[in-house]
């Protein structure tokens, strides 16, 4: 069985805006993506609410993507890795620019490549740029200036993907964060995301 490891934050985990909690498995974009793949492929949901890229903070932080990524790769031995992180890096106390955050995401791409080289088999890496957020609701406090920074993500994430010569996908072209809650995706968005992502990367599963 081949696998796709989806490494992300609460929008990968399946957080429900406004009411909290988690979407049922059948409504999460990872489950919907798996249904579109050949029978010998499975999708592994490694989303965690609050996860950051992690390069700018201690790898011992429980929400550091960098701190958990290598053990995650070792555990699952994936053939494809989809990385969608950066939204939580917009928190004011981290004081990061959009370019800084894209570099954090790129560091994870490099780590996946390094892992693959030591394992002796190729891993396709897909870098996903998170959609812009709104400074309302969930993101009203602790995200000062984050809305503007998030609109700059696409420029920098695309540049990092080109530098690393990895697959790139701009989620903001297909889905939108809640304009009421600020960060998370309403129920109709995960299906749109899964469909668009599949169209972009389906060549990896042939």
N, C-alpha and C. Protein backbone atom coordinates (compact mmCIF):
# COMPACT_ATOMS: atom_id res chain seq x y z
N UNK A 1 0.84 -1.19 0.00
CA UNK A 1 0.00 0.00 0.00
C UNK A 1 0.88 1.25 0.00
N UNK A 2 0.63 2.15 -0.95
CA UNK A 2 1.35 3.42 -1.00
C UNK A 2 0.59 4.47 -0.20
N UNK A 3 1.28 5.52 0.21
CA UNK A 3 0.60 6.48 1.08
C UNK A 3 0.96 7.93 0.78
N UNK A 4 -0.01 8.80 1.11
CA UNK A 4 0.16 10.25 1.05
C UNK A 4 0.06 10.77 2.47
N UNK A 5 1.12 11.40 2.95
CA UNK A 5 1.12 11.98 4.28
C UNK A 5 0.74 13.45 4.18
N UNK A 6 -0.36 13.83 4.83
CA UNK A 6 -0.82 15.22 4.81
C UNK A 6 -0.46 15.86 6.14
N UNK A 7 0.53 16.72 6.11
CA UNK A 7 1.11 17.31 7.32
C UNK A 7 0.66 18.76 7.42
N UNK A 8 -0.23 19.03 8.37
CA UNK A 8 -0.79 20.37 8.43
C UNK A 8 -1.26 20.77 9.81
N UNK A 9 -2.15 21.75 9.84
CA UNK A 9 -2.67 22.27 11.10
C UNK A 9 -4.15 21.93 11.24
N UNK A 10 -4.93 22.84 11.83
CA UNK A 10 -6.32 22.53 12.12
C UNK A 10 -7.19 22.37 10.89
N UNK A 11 -6.84 23.01 9.78
CA UNK A 11 -7.63 22.84 8.56
C UNK A 11 -7.38 21.49 7.90
N UNK A 12 -6.28 20.87 8.19
CA UNK A 12 -6.05 19.49 7.78
C UNK A 12 -6.71 18.53 8.78
N UNK A 13 -6.61 18.85 10.03
CA UNK A 13 -7.24 18.06 11.10
C UNK A 13 -8.75 18.00 10.92
N UNK A 14 -9.34 19.15 10.48
CA UNK A 14 -10.77 19.19 10.22
C UNK A 14 -11.57 20.02 11.21
N UNK A 15 -10.99 21.12 11.68
CA UNK A 15 -11.65 21.97 12.68
C UNK A 15 -12.90 22.65 12.11
N UNK A 16 -13.97 22.65 12.90
CA UNK A 16 -15.24 23.26 12.48
C UNK A 16 -15.29 24.71 12.96
N UNK A 17 -15.35 25.69 12.05
CA UNK A 17 -15.41 27.09 12.49
C UNK A 17 -16.68 27.40 13.26
N UNK A 18 -16.57 28.37 14.14
CA UNK A 18 -17.68 28.89 14.95
C UNK A 18 -18.10 27.95 16.08
N UNK A 19 -18.35 26.70 15.81
CA UNK A 19 -18.82 25.80 16.85
C UNK A 19 -17.71 24.98 17.48
N UNK A 20 -16.55 24.88 16.82
CA UNK A 20 -15.45 24.09 17.35
C UNK A 20 -15.65 22.61 17.08
N UNK A 21 -14.74 21.79 17.57
CA UNK A 21 -14.81 20.36 17.32
C UNK A 21 -14.27 20.03 15.94
N UNK A 22 -14.51 18.79 15.54
CA UNK A 22 -13.91 18.26 14.31
C UNK A 22 -14.99 17.75 13.37
N UNK A 23 -14.81 18.05 12.08
CA UNK A 23 -15.72 17.49 11.08
C UNK A 23 -15.66 15.96 11.13
N UNK A 24 -16.78 15.28 10.83
CA UNK A 24 -16.74 13.83 10.71
C UNK A 24 -15.72 13.44 9.63
N UNK A 25 -15.18 12.25 9.75
CA UNK A 25 -14.14 11.80 8.83
C UNK A 25 -14.53 11.98 7.37
N UNK A 26 -15.79 11.69 7.05
CA UNK A 26 -16.21 11.73 5.64
C UNK A 26 -16.25 13.14 5.07
N UNK A 27 -16.14 14.18 5.91
CA UNK A 27 -16.16 15.56 5.44
C UNK A 27 -14.78 16.20 5.40
N UNK A 28 -13.78 15.51 5.90
CA UNK A 28 -12.42 16.07 5.91
C UNK A 28 -11.80 15.94 4.52
N UNK A 29 -10.99 16.92 4.15
CA UNK A 29 -10.43 16.90 2.80
C UNK A 29 -9.50 15.72 2.58
N UNK A 30 -8.88 15.24 3.64
CA UNK A 30 -7.98 14.10 3.49
C UNK A 30 -8.75 12.84 3.11
N UNK A 31 -9.90 12.64 3.72
CA UNK A 31 -10.74 11.48 3.38
C UNK A 31 -11.27 11.60 1.96
N UNK A 32 -11.70 12.80 1.60
CA UNK A 32 -12.23 13.03 0.26
C UNK A 32 -11.16 12.82 -0.80
N UNK A 33 -9.93 13.23 -0.50
CA UNK A 33 -8.83 13.01 -1.44
C UNK A 33 -8.57 11.51 -1.62
N UNK A 34 -8.59 10.76 -0.54
CA UNK A 34 -8.32 9.33 -0.63
C UNK A 34 -9.31 8.63 -1.55
N UNK A 35 -10.56 9.07 -1.54
CA UNK A 35 -11.58 8.45 -2.39
C UNK A 35 -11.29 8.65 -3.88
N UNK A 36 -10.50 9.66 -4.20
CA UNK A 36 -10.18 9.94 -5.60
C UNK A 36 -8.95 9.19 -6.09
N UNK A 37 -8.22 8.56 -5.18
CA UNK A 37 -6.96 7.90 -5.53
C UNK A 37 -7.18 6.44 -5.91
N UNK A 38 -6.21 5.85 -6.59
CA UNK A 38 -6.29 4.41 -6.88
C UNK A 38 -6.41 3.61 -5.59
N UNK A 39 -6.93 2.39 -5.69
CA UNK A 39 -7.21 1.56 -4.51
C UNK A 39 -5.97 1.21 -3.70
N UNK A 40 -4.81 1.26 -4.32
CA UNK A 40 -3.59 0.88 -3.60
C UNK A 40 -2.92 2.08 -2.92
N UNK A 41 -3.65 3.18 -2.80
CA UNK A 41 -3.14 4.36 -2.11
C UNK A 41 -4.01 4.68 -0.89
N UNK A 42 -3.37 5.13 0.18
CA UNK A 42 -4.10 5.62 1.35
C UNK A 42 -3.60 7.01 1.72
N UNK A 43 -4.46 7.80 2.35
CA UNK A 43 -4.11 9.15 2.79
C UNK A 43 -4.04 9.16 4.32
N UNK A 44 -2.95 9.66 4.84
CA UNK A 44 -2.74 9.73 6.29
C UNK A 44 -2.91 11.17 6.74
N UNK A 45 -3.88 11.41 7.62
CA UNK A 45 -4.15 12.75 8.13
C UNK A 45 -3.26 13.02 9.33
N UNK A 46 -2.27 13.87 9.15
CA UNK A 46 -1.39 14.29 10.25
C UNK A 46 -1.56 15.79 10.48
N UNK A 47 -2.82 16.19 10.64
CA UNK A 47 -3.11 17.57 10.99
C UNK A 47 -3.15 17.74 12.50
N UNK A 48 -2.74 18.90 12.99
CA UNK A 48 -2.76 19.19 14.42
C UNK A 48 -3.11 20.66 14.63
N UNK A 49 -4.20 20.96 15.34
CA UNK A 49 -4.53 22.36 15.61
C UNK A 49 -3.38 23.08 16.31
N UNK A 50 -3.09 24.28 15.83
CA UNK A 50 -2.04 25.09 16.43
C UNK A 50 -0.65 24.84 15.91
N UNK A 51 -0.49 23.88 15.01
CA UNK A 51 0.87 23.54 14.54
C UNK A 51 1.47 24.68 13.71
N UNK A 52 2.72 24.97 13.97
CA UNK A 52 3.50 25.96 13.21
C UNK A 52 4.52 25.21 12.35
N UNK A 53 5.18 25.95 11.45
CA UNK A 53 6.26 25.32 10.70
C UNK A 53 7.37 24.92 11.66
N UNK A 54 7.65 25.76 12.65
CA UNK A 54 8.51 25.37 13.76
C UNK A 54 9.97 25.73 13.67
N UNK A 55 10.44 26.24 12.52
CA UNK A 55 11.88 26.49 12.41
C UNK A 55 12.34 27.64 13.29
N UNK A 56 11.42 28.50 13.69
CA UNK A 56 11.77 29.71 14.43
C UNK A 56 11.66 29.53 15.93
N UNK A 57 11.23 28.34 16.37
CA UNK A 57 11.06 28.12 17.80
C UNK A 57 11.65 26.77 18.17
N UNK A 58 11.72 26.50 19.45
CA UNK A 58 12.30 25.24 19.91
C UNK A 58 11.59 24.06 19.28
N UNK A 59 12.37 23.09 18.83
CA UNK A 59 11.75 21.89 18.26
C UNK A 59 11.04 21.08 19.34
N UNK A 60 11.24 21.45 20.59
CA UNK A 60 10.57 20.75 21.67
C UNK A 60 9.18 21.31 21.97
N UNK A 61 8.81 22.38 21.29
CA UNK A 61 7.45 22.90 21.43
C UNK A 61 6.46 21.84 20.94
N UNK A 62 5.37 21.60 21.68
CA UNK A 62 4.42 20.56 21.25
C UNK A 62 3.74 20.86 19.93
N UNK A 63 3.77 22.12 19.49
CA UNK A 63 3.14 22.48 18.23
C UNK A 63 4.15 22.78 17.11
N UNK A 64 5.38 22.44 17.33
CA UNK A 64 6.40 22.67 16.31
C UNK A 64 6.31 21.60 15.23
N UNK A 65 6.05 22.02 14.00
CA UNK A 65 6.04 21.08 12.91
C UNK A 65 7.39 20.45 12.70
N UNK A 66 8.43 21.25 12.80
CA UNK A 66 9.79 20.76 12.61
C UNK A 66 10.15 19.71 13.65
N UNK A 67 9.70 19.91 14.88
CA UNK A 67 10.02 18.98 15.95
C UNK A 67 9.43 17.59 15.76
N UNK A 68 8.26 17.53 15.11
CA UNK A 68 7.57 16.24 14.97
C UNK A 68 7.71 15.62 13.57
N UNK A 69 8.16 16.40 12.62
CA UNK A 69 8.11 15.96 11.22
C UNK A 69 8.94 14.71 10.94
N UNK A 70 10.19 14.69 11.41
CA UNK A 70 11.05 13.54 11.13
C UNK A 70 10.49 12.26 11.74
N UNK A 71 10.10 12.24 13.02
CA UNK A 71 9.49 11.02 13.56
C UNK A 71 8.24 10.61 12.79
N UNK A 72 7.50 11.58 12.30
CA UNK A 72 6.29 11.31 11.53
C UNK A 72 6.65 10.62 10.21
N UNK A 73 7.67 11.10 9.53
CA UNK A 73 8.14 10.47 8.30
C UNK A 73 8.64 9.06 8.57
N UNK A 74 9.38 8.90 9.64
CA UNK A 74 9.92 7.58 9.99
C UNK A 74 8.80 6.59 10.28
N UNK A 75 7.74 7.08 10.93
CA UNK A 75 6.62 6.22 11.28
C UNK A 75 5.85 5.76 10.06
N UNK A 76 5.55 6.69 9.15
CA UNK A 76 4.63 6.39 8.06
C UNK A 76 5.31 5.98 6.74
N UNK A 77 6.57 6.36 6.54
CA UNK A 77 7.29 6.01 5.31
C UNK A 77 6.46 6.33 4.06
N UNK A 78 6.04 7.58 3.90
CA UNK A 78 5.13 7.92 2.80
C UNK A 78 5.82 7.99 1.44
N UNK A 79 5.01 7.89 0.40
CA UNK A 79 5.50 8.07 -0.97
C UNK A 79 5.31 9.50 -1.44
N UNK A 80 4.30 10.18 -0.90
CA UNK A 80 4.02 11.58 -1.21
C UNK A 80 3.77 12.30 0.11
N UNK A 81 4.29 13.51 0.23
CA UNK A 81 4.05 14.34 1.40
C UNK A 81 3.43 15.66 0.96
N UNK A 82 2.29 15.99 1.55
CA UNK A 82 1.63 17.28 1.30
C UNK A 82 1.80 18.12 2.55
N UNK A 83 2.46 19.26 2.42
CA UNK A 83 2.74 20.15 3.56
C UNK A 83 1.90 21.42 3.42
N UNK A 84 1.03 21.67 4.39
CA UNK A 84 0.26 22.91 4.40
C UNK A 84 0.31 23.52 5.80
N UNK A 85 1.28 24.37 6.01
CA UNK A 85 1.48 25.04 7.29
C UNK A 85 1.86 26.50 7.06
N UNK A 86 1.67 27.31 8.08
CA UNK A 86 2.03 28.72 8.01
C UNK A 86 1.03 29.64 8.67
N UNK A 87 -0.23 29.23 8.72
CA UNK A 87 -1.27 30.10 9.31
C UNK A 87 -0.98 30.42 10.76
N UNK A 88 -0.59 29.42 11.55
CA UNK A 88 -0.31 29.66 12.97
C UNK A 88 0.97 30.45 13.19
N UNK A 89 1.84 30.47 12.20
CA UNK A 89 3.05 31.28 12.29
C UNK A 89 2.74 32.77 12.20
N UNK A 90 1.51 33.11 11.84
CA UNK A 90 1.09 34.51 11.75
C UNK A 90 0.81 35.14 13.11
N UNK A 91 0.85 34.36 14.16
CA UNK A 91 0.57 34.89 15.49
C UNK A 91 1.54 36.03 15.83
N UNK A 92 1.00 37.06 16.43
CA UNK A 92 1.76 38.29 16.66
C UNK A 92 3.05 38.07 17.44
N UNK A 93 3.00 37.21 18.45
CA UNK A 93 4.17 37.06 19.33
C UNK A 93 5.36 36.44 18.62
N UNK A 94 5.14 35.79 17.48
CA UNK A 94 6.25 35.20 16.74
C UNK A 94 6.96 36.23 15.87
N UNK A 95 6.27 37.32 15.53
CA UNK A 95 6.87 38.44 14.81
C UNK A 95 7.60 38.01 13.55
N UNK A 96 6.90 37.27 12.70
CA UNK A 96 7.49 36.76 11.46
C UNK A 96 6.87 37.43 10.25
N UNK A 97 7.66 37.62 9.22
CA UNK A 97 7.15 38.13 7.95
C UNK A 97 6.61 36.97 7.12
N UNK A 98 5.89 37.29 6.06
CA UNK A 98 5.40 36.25 5.15
C UNK A 98 6.57 35.47 4.55
N UNK A 99 7.64 36.15 4.24
CA UNK A 99 8.82 35.49 3.69
C UNK A 99 9.45 34.55 4.72
N UNK A 100 9.53 34.99 5.98
CA UNK A 100 10.05 34.13 7.05
C UNK A 100 9.25 32.84 7.14
N UNK A 101 7.93 32.99 7.09
CA UNK A 101 7.05 31.84 7.24
C UNK A 101 7.20 30.88 6.07
N UNK A 102 7.33 31.42 4.87
CA UNK A 102 7.54 30.56 3.70
C UNK A 102 8.85 29.80 3.83
N UNK A 103 9.85 30.43 4.42
CA UNK A 103 11.13 29.76 4.63
C UNK A 103 11.00 28.62 5.63
N UNK A 104 10.13 28.81 6.62
CA UNK A 104 9.86 27.74 7.58
C UNK A 104 9.22 26.54 6.91
N UNK A 105 8.26 26.81 6.03
CA UNK A 105 7.63 25.72 5.28
C UNK A 105 8.64 25.04 4.36
N UNK A 106 9.51 25.83 3.75
CA UNK A 106 10.53 25.28 2.85
C UNK A 106 11.50 24.38 3.61
N UNK A 107 11.75 24.72 4.87
CA UNK A 107 12.65 23.90 5.68
C UNK A 107 12.09 22.49 5.84
N UNK A 108 10.77 22.38 5.93
CA UNK A 108 10.14 21.06 6.04
C UNK A 108 10.28 20.28 4.73
N UNK A 109 10.18 20.99 3.61
CA UNK A 109 10.40 20.34 2.31
C UNK A 109 11.81 19.76 2.26
N UNK A 110 12.78 20.55 2.70
CA UNK A 110 14.17 20.10 2.71
C UNK A 110 14.36 18.89 3.61
N UNK A 111 13.65 18.90 4.75
CA UNK A 111 13.78 17.77 5.67
C UNK A 111 13.21 16.49 5.06
N UNK A 112 12.09 16.63 4.34
CA UNK A 112 11.52 15.46 3.66
C UNK A 112 12.48 14.92 2.60
N UNK A 113 13.10 15.82 1.88
CA UNK A 113 14.06 15.41 0.86
C UNK A 113 15.27 14.71 1.51
N UNK A 114 15.73 15.25 2.60
CA UNK A 114 16.87 14.66 3.31
C UNK A 114 16.52 13.27 3.81
N UNK A 115 15.32 13.13 4.35
CA UNK A 115 14.86 11.82 4.83
C UNK A 115 14.82 10.82 3.68
N UNK A 116 14.27 11.25 2.54
CA UNK A 116 14.16 10.36 1.38
C UNK A 116 15.53 9.90 0.90
N UNK A 117 16.49 10.81 0.90
CA UNK A 117 17.83 10.45 0.41
C UNK A 117 18.47 9.39 1.30
N UNK A 118 18.19 9.45 2.59
CA UNK A 118 18.77 8.47 3.51
C UNK A 118 18.02 7.15 3.46
N UNK A 119 16.74 7.19 3.08
CA UNK A 119 15.95 5.96 2.98
C UNK A 119 16.21 5.24 1.66
N UNK A 120 16.70 5.98 0.68
CA UNK A 120 17.01 5.37 -0.59
C UNK A 120 15.84 5.19 -1.53
N UNK A 121 14.78 5.94 -1.30
CA UNK A 121 13.65 5.90 -2.24
C UNK A 121 13.09 7.31 -2.37
N UNK A 122 12.52 7.64 -3.52
CA UNK A 122 12.03 9.02 -3.74
C UNK A 122 10.74 9.31 -3.00
N UNK A 123 10.60 10.53 -2.54
CA UNK A 123 9.36 11.02 -1.95
C UNK A 123 8.98 12.30 -2.70
N UNK A 124 7.80 12.32 -3.27
CA UNK A 124 7.30 13.54 -3.91
C UNK A 124 6.76 14.47 -2.84
N UNK A 125 7.16 15.73 -2.88
CA UNK A 125 6.73 16.70 -1.88
C UNK A 125 5.89 17.78 -2.54
N UNK A 126 4.75 18.07 -1.94
CA UNK A 126 3.84 19.11 -2.42
C UNK A 126 3.77 20.20 -1.37
N UNK A 127 4.17 21.41 -1.74
CA UNK A 127 4.11 22.55 -0.84
C UNK A 127 2.83 23.32 -1.13
N UNK A 128 1.95 23.39 -0.13
CA UNK A 128 0.67 24.08 -0.27
C UNK A 128 0.72 25.41 0.45
N UNK A 129 0.35 26.45 -0.26
CA UNK A 129 0.24 27.78 0.34
C UNK A 129 -1.13 27.92 0.98
N UNK A 130 -1.22 28.18 2.29
CA UNK A 130 -2.52 28.33 2.94
C UNK A 130 -3.26 29.56 2.41
N UNK A 131 -4.59 29.53 2.43
CA UNK A 131 -5.35 30.69 1.97
C UNK A 131 -5.22 31.86 2.95
N UNK A 132 -5.46 33.07 2.49
CA UNK A 132 -5.44 34.22 3.40
C UNK A 132 -6.46 34.08 4.52
N UNK A 133 -6.18 34.74 5.63
CA UNK A 133 -7.11 34.73 6.75
C UNK A 133 -7.69 36.13 6.94
N UNK A 134 -8.64 36.24 7.85
CA UNK A 134 -9.27 37.52 8.20
C UNK A 134 -9.09 37.76 9.69
N UNK A 135 -8.82 38.99 10.06
CA UNK A 135 -8.64 39.32 11.48
C UNK A 135 -9.99 39.56 12.14
N UNK A 136 -10.77 38.51 12.23
CA UNK A 136 -12.09 38.55 12.88
C UNK A 136 -12.24 37.27 13.68
N UNK A 137 -13.20 37.25 14.57
CA UNK A 137 -13.53 36.04 15.31
C UNK A 137 -12.33 35.38 15.94
N UNK A 138 -12.05 34.17 15.55
CA UNK A 138 -10.94 33.39 16.09
C UNK A 138 -9.62 34.15 16.00
N UNK A 139 -9.43 34.87 14.90
CA UNK A 139 -8.16 35.55 14.65
C UNK A 139 -8.20 37.04 15.01
N UNK A 140 -9.18 37.44 15.80
CA UNK A 140 -9.29 38.86 16.15
C UNK A 140 -8.23 39.27 17.16
N UNK A 141 -7.85 38.35 18.04
CA UNK A 141 -6.84 38.62 19.05
C UNK A 141 -5.60 37.77 18.80
N UNK A 142 -4.45 38.38 18.91
CA UNK A 142 -3.20 37.64 18.78
C UNK A 142 -2.71 37.47 17.36
N UNK A 143 -3.40 38.10 16.39
CA UNK A 143 -3.00 38.00 14.99
C UNK A 143 -2.90 39.39 14.35
N UNK A 144 -2.35 40.34 15.06
CA UNK A 144 -2.26 41.71 14.55
C UNK A 144 -1.43 41.75 13.26
N UNK A 145 -2.02 42.30 12.21
CA UNK A 145 -1.33 42.40 10.93
C UNK A 145 -1.29 41.12 10.13
N UNK A 146 -1.91 40.07 10.66
CA UNK A 146 -1.82 38.75 10.01
C UNK A 146 -2.58 38.69 8.69
N UNK A 147 -3.69 39.41 8.61
CA UNK A 147 -4.47 39.35 7.37
C UNK A 147 -3.63 39.84 6.18
N UNK A 148 -2.98 40.97 6.35
CA UNK A 148 -2.15 41.50 5.26
C UNK A 148 -1.00 40.55 4.94
N UNK A 149 -0.34 40.03 5.98
CA UNK A 149 0.77 39.11 5.74
C UNK A 149 0.31 37.87 4.98
N UNK A 150 -0.88 37.38 5.34
CA UNK A 150 -1.36 36.14 4.71
C UNK A 150 -1.64 36.34 3.22
N UNK A 151 -1.96 37.57 2.82
CA UNK A 151 -2.17 37.83 1.39
C UNK A 151 -0.85 37.82 0.62
N UNK A 152 0.26 37.90 1.34
CA UNK A 152 1.59 37.85 0.72
C UNK A 152 2.15 36.44 0.63
N UNK A 153 1.46 35.48 1.23
CA UNK A 153 1.96 34.11 1.25
C UNK A 153 2.24 33.56 -0.15
N UNK A 154 1.26 33.72 -1.05
CA UNK A 154 1.36 33.07 -2.37
C UNK A 154 2.66 33.43 -3.09
N UNK A 155 3.01 34.71 -3.05
CA UNK A 155 4.24 35.16 -3.71
C UNK A 155 5.46 34.42 -3.17
N UNK A 156 5.54 34.32 -1.85
CA UNK A 156 6.73 33.74 -1.22
C UNK A 156 6.73 32.22 -1.26
N UNK A 157 5.58 31.60 -1.06
CA UNK A 157 5.52 30.14 -1.12
C UNK A 157 5.86 29.64 -2.53
N UNK A 158 5.34 30.34 -3.52
CA UNK A 158 5.64 29.95 -4.91
C UNK A 158 7.14 30.07 -5.18
N UNK A 159 7.74 31.13 -4.67
CA UNK A 159 9.18 31.31 -4.87
C UNK A 159 9.98 30.20 -4.20
N UNK A 160 9.57 29.80 -2.98
CA UNK A 160 10.28 28.71 -2.30
C UNK A 160 10.12 27.39 -3.07
N UNK A 161 8.92 27.14 -3.59
CA UNK A 161 8.69 25.91 -4.35
C UNK A 161 9.53 25.88 -5.62
N UNK A 162 9.65 27.02 -6.26
CA UNK A 162 10.47 27.09 -7.48
C UNK A 162 11.94 26.86 -7.15
N UNK A 163 12.39 27.42 -6.04
CA UNK A 163 13.78 27.23 -5.62
C UNK A 163 14.07 25.75 -5.34
N UNK A 164 13.11 25.09 -4.74
CA UNK A 164 13.29 23.69 -4.33
C UNK A 164 12.85 22.70 -5.40
N UNK A 165 12.25 23.23 -6.46
CA UNK A 165 11.76 22.40 -7.57
C UNK A 165 10.82 21.29 -7.08
N UNK A 166 9.86 21.70 -6.24
CA UNK A 166 8.85 20.77 -5.76
C UNK A 166 7.48 21.20 -6.27
N UNK A 167 6.51 20.33 -6.16
CA UNK A 167 5.14 20.66 -6.57
C UNK A 167 4.60 21.79 -5.70
N UNK A 168 3.82 22.67 -6.30
CA UNK A 168 3.27 23.82 -5.59
C UNK A 168 1.77 23.89 -5.83
N UNK A 169 1.04 24.24 -4.78
CA UNK A 169 -0.41 24.38 -4.89
C UNK A 169 -0.85 25.56 -4.02
N UNK A 170 -1.56 26.50 -4.61
CA UNK A 170 -2.06 27.67 -3.89
C UNK A 170 -3.51 27.41 -3.48
N UNK A 171 -3.71 27.09 -2.21
CA UNK A 171 -5.06 26.77 -1.72
C UNK A 171 -6.01 27.95 -1.88
N UNK A 172 -5.47 29.16 -1.78
CA UNK A 172 -6.30 30.36 -1.87
C UNK A 172 -6.96 30.56 -3.22
N UNK A 173 -6.51 29.84 -4.24
CA UNK A 173 -7.16 29.91 -5.55
C UNK A 173 -8.47 29.14 -5.58
N UNK A 174 -8.69 28.30 -4.56
CA UNK A 174 -9.84 27.40 -4.60
C UNK A 174 -10.71 27.43 -3.34
N UNK A 175 -10.13 27.77 -2.20
CA UNK A 175 -10.90 27.79 -0.95
C UNK A 175 -10.67 29.12 -0.22
N UNK A 176 -11.55 29.40 0.73
CA UNK A 176 -11.46 30.64 1.49
C UNK A 176 -11.68 30.37 2.97
N UNK A 177 -10.96 31.10 3.80
CA UNK A 177 -11.19 31.05 5.23
C UNK A 177 -12.53 31.71 5.54
N UNK A 178 -13.11 31.34 6.66
CA UNK A 178 -14.38 31.92 7.07
C UNK A 178 -14.24 33.42 7.28
N UNK A 179 -15.11 34.21 6.65
CA UNK A 179 -15.07 35.66 6.83
C UNK A 179 -15.70 36.08 8.14
N UNK A 180 -16.28 35.14 8.83
CA UNK A 180 -16.89 35.41 10.15
C UNK A 180 -15.95 34.97 11.27
N UNK A 181 -15.35 33.81 11.09
CA UNK A 181 -14.48 33.24 12.13
C UNK A 181 -13.01 33.57 11.90
N UNK A 182 -12.61 33.73 10.63
CA UNK A 182 -11.28 34.23 10.33
C UNK A 182 -10.27 33.26 9.77
N UNK A 183 -10.26 32.02 10.26
CA UNK A 183 -9.16 31.11 9.94
C UNK A 183 -9.62 29.79 9.31
N UNK A 184 -10.67 29.22 9.83
CA UNK A 184 -11.03 27.86 9.44
C UNK A 184 -12.01 27.82 8.28
N UNK A 185 -12.24 26.62 7.76
CA UNK A 185 -13.00 26.43 6.54
C UNK A 185 -14.41 25.93 6.82
N UNK A 186 -15.40 26.56 6.18
CA UNK A 186 -16.77 26.09 6.30
C UNK A 186 -16.93 24.76 5.56
N UNK A 187 -18.04 24.11 5.79
CA UNK A 187 -18.24 22.72 5.39
C UNK A 187 -18.09 22.44 3.90
N UNK A 188 -18.36 23.45 3.07
CA UNK A 188 -18.27 23.22 1.62
C UNK A 188 -16.84 23.34 1.09
N UNK A 189 -15.93 23.83 1.90
CA UNK A 189 -14.57 24.10 1.42
C UNK A 189 -13.67 22.86 1.30
N UNK A 190 -13.69 21.93 2.26
CA UNK A 190 -12.79 20.78 2.13
C UNK A 190 -12.97 20.00 0.83
N UNK A 191 -14.20 19.85 0.35
CA UNK A 191 -14.43 19.13 -0.90
C UNK A 191 -13.83 19.88 -2.08
N UNK A 192 -13.95 21.19 -2.08
CA UNK A 192 -13.36 22.00 -3.14
C UNK A 192 -11.84 21.86 -3.13
N UNK A 193 -11.29 21.88 -1.94
CA UNK A 193 -9.84 21.76 -1.80
C UNK A 193 -9.35 20.40 -2.30
N UNK A 194 -10.02 19.34 -1.85
CA UNK A 194 -9.61 17.99 -2.23
C UNK A 194 -9.66 17.79 -3.75
N UNK A 195 -10.72 18.27 -4.37
CA UNK A 195 -10.88 18.12 -5.81
C UNK A 195 -9.79 18.88 -6.56
N UNK A 196 -9.55 20.12 -6.16
CA UNK A 196 -8.55 20.94 -6.84
C UNK A 196 -7.14 20.40 -6.62
N UNK A 197 -6.86 19.96 -5.40
CA UNK A 197 -5.53 19.40 -5.12
C UNK A 197 -5.30 18.13 -5.93
N UNK A 198 -6.32 17.30 -6.01
CA UNK A 198 -6.20 16.07 -6.78
C UNK A 198 -5.88 16.35 -8.24
N UNK A 199 -6.57 17.33 -8.81
CA UNK A 199 -6.31 17.69 -10.21
C UNK A 199 -4.87 18.15 -10.41
N UNK A 200 -4.34 18.82 -9.40
CA UNK A 200 -2.98 19.36 -9.50
C UNK A 200 -1.92 18.28 -9.37
N UNK A 201 -2.17 17.27 -8.57
CA UNK A 201 -1.11 16.29 -8.25
C UNK A 201 -1.44 14.86 -8.67
N UNK A 202 -2.51 14.67 -9.44
CA UNK A 202 -2.92 13.30 -9.79
C UNK A 202 -1.86 12.55 -10.58
N UNK A 203 -0.97 13.28 -11.25
CA UNK A 203 0.10 12.61 -11.99
C UNK A 203 1.05 11.85 -11.07
N UNK A 204 1.03 12.17 -9.78
CA UNK A 204 1.93 11.50 -8.85
C UNK A 204 1.45 10.10 -8.49
N UNK A 205 0.20 9.78 -8.84
CA UNK A 205 -0.38 8.51 -8.42
C UNK A 205 -0.56 7.51 -9.57
N UNK A 206 0.01 7.83 -10.71
CA UNK A 206 -0.13 6.93 -11.87
C UNK A 206 0.88 5.77 -11.78
